[in-house]
């Protein structure tokens, strides 16, 4: 059996550095062994937010090259 511990009441958000950028982790405890809420924000979501600023003034033909340069995996953005 895996070791468990109680997650105290409260919220915590922290950032981690990964190969693709910054990952955000949010956990909300309710004094139980399972968290009340647990979310992970992938680095791809952060990377995609810059896209509207980069595309201003760009040509339509350059969009695919720009998307490739910021290295976005749409499956992790979609969740």
Protein backbone atom coordinates (compact mmCIF):
# COMPACT_ATOMS: atom_id res chain seq x y z
CA UNK A 1 0.00 0.00 0.00
CA UNK A 2 1.27 3.44 -0.91
CA UNK A 3 2.04 5.85 1.92
CA UNK A 4 -0.54 8.60 2.32
CA UNK A 5 -0.75 11.84 4.26
CA UNK A 6 -3.49 14.34 4.97
CA UNK A 7 -3.56 17.43 2.80
CA UNK A 8 -4.36 20.37 5.11
CA UNK A 9 -7.07 22.92 4.41
CA UNK A 10 -5.91 25.67 2.09
CA UNK A 11 -4.67 26.38 -1.41
CA UNK A 12 -1.24 26.27 -3.00
CA UNK A 13 -0.08 27.32 -6.46
CA UNK A 14 3.47 26.77 -7.54
CA UNK A 15 5.44 26.97 -10.76
CA UNK A 16 7.89 24.40 -12.08
CA UNK A 17 10.35 24.70 -14.92
CA UNK A 18 10.20 22.06 -17.64
CA UNK A 19 11.83 21.54 -21.01
CA UNK A 20 8.99 23.35 -22.80
CA UNK A 21 8.60 26.16 -20.29
CA UNK A 22 6.76 26.86 -17.07
CA UNK A 23 4.24 24.38 -15.62
CA UNK A 24 1.69 25.56 -13.05
CA UNK A 25 0.38 23.24 -10.31
CA UNK A 26 -2.64 24.14 -8.14
CA UNK A 27 -3.79 22.04 -5.19
CA UNK A 28 -6.61 22.70 -2.73
CA UNK A 29 -6.79 20.55 0.37
CA UNK A 30 -9.74 19.72 2.61
CA UNK A 31 -7.99 17.87 5.44
CA UNK A 32 -8.30 14.49 3.69
CA UNK A 33 -5.86 12.14 1.93
CA UNK A 34 -7.20 13.18 -1.49
CA UNK A 35 -7.14 16.82 -2.64
CA UNK A 36 -10.41 18.69 -3.07
CA UNK A 37 -9.07 20.20 -6.28
CA UNK A 38 -5.89 19.50 -8.27
CA UNK A 39 -5.02 21.19 -11.57
CA UNK A 40 -1.92 21.19 -13.73
CA UNK A 41 -1.41 23.95 -16.29
CA UNK A 42 0.81 22.70 -19.07
CA UNK A 43 3.63 24.81 -20.45
CA UNK A 44 1.98 24.69 -23.88
CA UNK A 45 -0.89 26.79 -22.58
CA UNK A 46 1.52 29.51 -21.47
CA UNK A 47 3.41 29.36 -24.75
CA UNK A 48 0.23 29.69 -26.81
CA UNK A 49 -0.89 32.89 -25.05
CA UNK A 50 1.82 34.89 -26.82
CA UNK A 51 0.48 33.89 -30.26
CA UNK A 52 -1.90 36.87 -30.83
CA UNK A 53 0.96 39.28 -30.12
CA UNK A 54 3.34 37.48 -32.46
CA UNK A 55 0.80 37.25 -35.31
CA UNK A 56 0.09 40.99 -35.48
CA UNK A 57 1.43 42.16 -38.81
CA UNK A 58 2.51 38.63 -39.88
CA UNK A 59 1.56 37.08 -43.20
CA UNK A 60 -0.90 34.18 -43.36
CA UNK A 61 1.78 32.01 -44.95
CA UNK A 62 4.00 32.48 -41.87
CA UNK A 63 1.47 31.19 -39.34
CA UNK A 64 2.57 27.53 -39.55
CA UNK A 65 6.23 28.46 -39.13
CA UNK A 66 5.39 30.63 -36.13
CA UNK A 67 3.33 27.84 -34.53
CA UNK A 68 6.22 25.44 -35.05
CA UNK A 69 8.69 27.84 -33.49
CA UNK A 70 6.79 28.15 -30.19
CA UNK A 71 6.53 24.33 -29.96
CA UNK A 72 2.88 23.92 -28.98
CA UNK A 73 1.22 20.52 -28.51
CA UNK A 74 -2.47 21.22 -29.02
CA UNK A 75 -3.61 18.11 -27.12
CA UNK A 76 -2.29 19.48 -23.85
CA UNK A 77 -3.69 22.95 -24.56
CA UNK A 78 -7.15 21.50 -25.25
CA UNK A 79 -7.54 19.84 -21.89
